[in-house]
Each structure stands twice: as C-alpha cells, then as structure tokens.
Protein backbone atom coordinates (compact mmCIF):
# COMPACT_ATOMS: atom_id res chain seq x y z
CA MET A 1 68.71 50.15 19.93
CA GLY A 2 68.35 49.94 16.19
CA THR A 3 65.15 50.00 13.65
CA VAL A 4 62.98 46.93 14.23
CA LEU A 5 61.83 45.53 10.76
CA VAL A 6 59.17 43.06 9.73
CA LYS A 7 60.66 39.63 9.43
CA ASN A 8 61.65 39.05 6.01
CA ALA A 9 61.54 42.72 5.34
CA ASP A 10 64.37 42.45 2.76
CA ARG A 11 61.83 40.16 0.62
CA MET A 12 58.84 42.69 0.76
CA MET A 13 58.70 45.06 -2.12
CA THR A 14 56.56 48.17 -1.22
CA SER A 15 56.62 50.42 -4.22
CA ALA A 16 57.29 50.13 -7.82
CA ASN A 17 57.69 53.33 -9.97
CA PRO A 18 58.24 53.05 -13.63
CA LEU A 19 60.70 55.70 -15.05
CA LYS A 20 62.54 56.26 -18.28
CA ASP A 21 65.19 53.57 -17.80
CA GLY A 22 63.46 51.08 -15.70
CA ILE A 23 61.37 50.18 -12.73
CA GLU A 24 62.53 51.89 -9.50
CA LEU A 25 61.83 49.23 -6.64
CA ALA A 26 61.63 50.11 -2.76
CA PHE A 27 61.88 47.32 -0.08
CA ALA A 28 60.10 47.35 3.20
CA ASP A 29 63.91 47.39 4.86
CA GLY A 30 64.55 50.67 3.00
CA CYS A 31 66.78 49.35 0.04
CA ARG A 32 65.84 51.00 -3.34
CA GLY A 33 67.05 50.39 -6.72
CA LEU A 34 66.35 50.59 -10.47
CA VAL A 35 65.67 47.26 -12.65
CA PRO A 36 66.46 48.38 -16.20
CA PHE A 37 64.01 47.39 -18.78
CA GLY A 38 66.49 45.77 -20.59
CA ASP A 39 66.81 43.04 -18.04
CA ILE A 40 63.02 42.30 -18.22
CA ARG A 41 62.29 40.00 -20.78
CA ASP A 42 59.45 41.40 -23.41
CA VAL A 43 60.01 44.80 -22.14
CA ASP A 44 63.41 46.07 -23.28
CA LYS A 45 62.34 49.70 -23.09
CA PHE A 46 59.93 52.11 -21.39
CA GLU A 47 57.91 52.50 -24.39
CA ASN A 48 57.09 48.77 -24.68
CA LEU A 49 55.54 49.01 -21.09
CA LYS A 50 51.63 49.21 -20.70
CA ARG A 51 51.52 48.77 -16.83
CA ILE A 52 53.06 47.54 -13.70
CA ASP A 53 51.24 46.02 -10.66
CA LEU A 54 52.46 44.63 -7.30
CA PRO A 55 49.77 42.64 -6.18
CA ASN A 56 51.65 41.21 -3.01
CA PRO A 57 55.09 42.23 -1.49
CA TYR A 58 56.82 39.39 -3.33
CA GLU A 59 56.16 39.78 -6.68
CA LEU A 60 55.92 42.72 -9.32
CA ILE A 61 53.61 42.15 -12.42
CA VAL A 62 54.78 44.10 -15.89
CA HIS A 63 52.19 44.05 -18.59
CA THR A 64 53.44 45.07 -21.94
CA ARG A 65 51.94 46.98 -25.04
CA SER A 66 51.90 43.78 -27.21
CA GLY A 67 49.81 41.97 -24.24
CA LYS A 68 52.51 39.93 -22.85
CA THR A 69 52.53 39.69 -18.76
CA VAL A 70 56.09 38.93 -16.90
CA GLU A 71 56.30 38.31 -13.28
CA LEU A 72 59.64 39.69 -11.44
CA PRO A 73 59.95 37.71 -8.14
CA TRP A 74 61.32 39.59 -5.11
CA ASP A 75 64.50 37.81 -5.45
CA PHE A 76 65.34 38.72 -9.09
CA ALA A 77 64.50 42.52 -8.08
CA ARG A 78 66.67 42.23 -4.95
CA HIS A 79 69.92 42.33 -6.39
CA TYR A 80 69.22 45.43 -8.38
CA CYS A 81 68.58 47.19 -4.86
CA ASP A 82 71.00 45.45 -2.66
CA ALA A 83 74.89 44.91 -3.85
CA SER A 84 75.34 42.29 -1.13
CA TYR A 85 72.39 40.10 -2.23
CA ARG A 86 73.97 38.42 -5.08
CA PRO A 87 77.32 37.47 -3.28
CA ARG A 88 74.91 36.32 -0.35
CA VAL A 89 73.01 33.95 -2.29
CA GLU A 90 75.85 32.67 -4.36
CA ALA A 91 77.84 31.88 -1.08
CA VAL A 92 74.68 29.76 0.23
CA GLY A 93 74.53 28.19 -2.99
CA LEU A 94 78.09 27.35 -3.01
CA ALA A 95 77.92 25.92 0.53
CA GLY A 96 74.94 23.72 -0.53
CA ARG A 97 76.71 22.60 -3.62
CA GLN A 98 79.92 21.41 -1.40
CA ALA A 99 77.67 20.07 1.35
CA ILE A 100 76.10 17.34 -1.48
CA GLY A 101 79.45 16.98 -3.18
CA ALA A 102 81.01 16.07 0.22
CA ARG A 103 78.19 13.96 1.46
CA ILE A 104 78.33 11.81 -2.21
CA ARG A 105 81.88 11.53 -1.96
CA GLN A 106 81.91 10.39 1.61
CA LEU A 107 78.93 7.71 0.63
CA ARG A 108 81.15 6.84 -2.42
CA GLU A 109 84.29 6.37 -0.74
CA SER A 110 82.34 4.24 2.11
CA ALA A 111 81.22 1.94 -0.25
CA ARG A 112 84.87 1.72 -1.87
CA VAL A 113 83.74 2.80 -5.13
CA THR A 114 85.78 4.77 -7.51
CA GLN A 115 84.52 7.85 -9.35
CA GLU A 116 84.88 6.18 -12.70
CA SER A 117 82.74 2.89 -11.40
CA LEU A 118 80.13 5.41 -9.56
CA ALA A 119 79.61 7.39 -12.78
CA ARG A 120 79.21 4.24 -14.82
CA ALA A 121 76.70 2.67 -12.45
CA ALA A 122 74.48 6.13 -12.45
CA ASN A 123 74.69 6.37 -16.16
CA ILE A 124 76.53 10.00 -15.82
CA GLY A 125 79.80 11.19 -17.07
CA ARG A 126 83.04 10.69 -14.39
CA VAL A 127 83.63 14.73 -15.27
CA THR A 128 80.14 15.32 -13.91
CA LEU A 129 80.72 13.25 -10.94
CA VAL A 130 84.06 15.06 -10.28
CA ARG A 131 82.47 18.55 -10.31
CA ILE A 132 79.57 17.20 -8.15
CA ASP A 133 82.09 15.69 -5.86
CA ASN A 134 84.13 18.84 -5.44
CA GLY A 135 80.87 21.29 -5.21
CA GLU A 136 81.46 22.94 -8.59
CA GLN A 137 78.04 21.87 -9.93
CA SER A 138 74.60 21.12 -8.67
CA PRO A 139 73.23 17.80 -9.56
CA ARG A 140 69.79 17.54 -11.03
CA TYR A 141 67.22 15.57 -9.60
CA GLU A 142 67.42 12.90 -12.17
CA THR A 143 71.45 12.78 -11.58
CA LEU A 144 70.68 12.70 -7.68
CA ALA A 145 68.11 9.53 -8.16
CA SER A 146 70.96 7.61 -10.37
CA LEU A 147 73.63 8.45 -7.97
CA ALA A 148 71.13 7.17 -5.07
CA ARG A 149 70.33 3.87 -6.80
CA ALA A 150 73.92 3.43 -7.88
CA LEU A 151 74.97 3.73 -4.05
CA ASP A 152 72.04 1.93 -2.87
CA GLN A 153 70.70 4.64 -0.59
CA PRO A 154 67.73 6.75 -0.63
CA ILE A 155 68.01 10.20 -2.44
CA GLN A 156 67.63 12.08 1.08
CA GLU A 157 70.54 10.15 2.28
CA LEU A 158 72.46 12.15 -0.29
CA LEU A 159 71.10 15.42 0.58
CA VAL A 160 71.18 15.18 4.50
CA GLY A 161 72.43 12.23 5.94
CA THR A 162 71.62 10.65 9.17
CA GLU A 163 72.96 10.95 12.74
CA ALA A 164 74.30 7.34 12.51
CA SER A 165 75.98 7.77 9.26
CA ALA A 166 77.25 11.21 10.01
C-alpha cells in the first residue's frame, strides 16, 4: 500500500527557502523545485529580495527591497517543481477549448449558419471563429456573449449544452 496524502497535496506549498539563484519550494506531496528570481516579476536577483512569506499553503508572498509585493500562487510555482504539471494543465486547457469549439460548431451547424455569417452576426472575425471552432483559441467572455446572441442561445448552452440538445 502506498503513501496516503492530504487531498490536493500537489497544491499545498509547505516551505519556501530563498537561495542565491531563486526560491526553493516544497509541496506537501514531496515535490521540490527552484523558482528562479529572473522569473519573478520585480525581483530578478537575490539582492532585490527583502523577505518571503508563506501565509497559507496556496500562495507565496515575495517582498522586494524597493517596497513591491509579488504574490506567487501555487500553480505558478508548481511547474518549477513538477515537470509533468505544465503538460497536464495544457492538456486540460486543450480539451476545454476543443469541447467549447465543438459545441459552438454543433449549434452553428444545427442552425444551418455558415462560419462567415455567424462571425458577421457576432461581430467577430471569421478567422477567430475558425480558431474557436477548431479548439485552437479560447473565446473571451465578450466573444462568447456575442456568439450566444447571434445563435439565439444562452451562454451556458455554448459551454455545456443540455441533455436534450446533446
């Protein structure tokens, strides 16, 4: 039987230690890594660091000598500690973009509307709609709202649909 961890241990930072090249972080699941100072806005190097705080398991607060405060959320830090984290997150993002694109395409085709006419009705570029349809681009909220109006559907229908329409 393997080790049992707290739920979401991969999100919980347990320690932060400033080193010469960056901040060494440890997570509750045992992952460790170094966030280089050059990747932390307004810090850039050890000499600019005043102090760090870990007020809760989900964020690190970096204080600079110039008086600035930089918040580093757990998900920013995680990919420095776990090489598999970023590809997993990107795969989830891709799946979400593809699902929304497929749903919008399904509604557009059900309404017998071309990409050109839907793009015009939603006041967006046709290339933008093609990218959304293909799951290559995430639509902004304003774009979703425009597409929903043009398709005469509530926004949530573009995102999840219903059992009756699936």
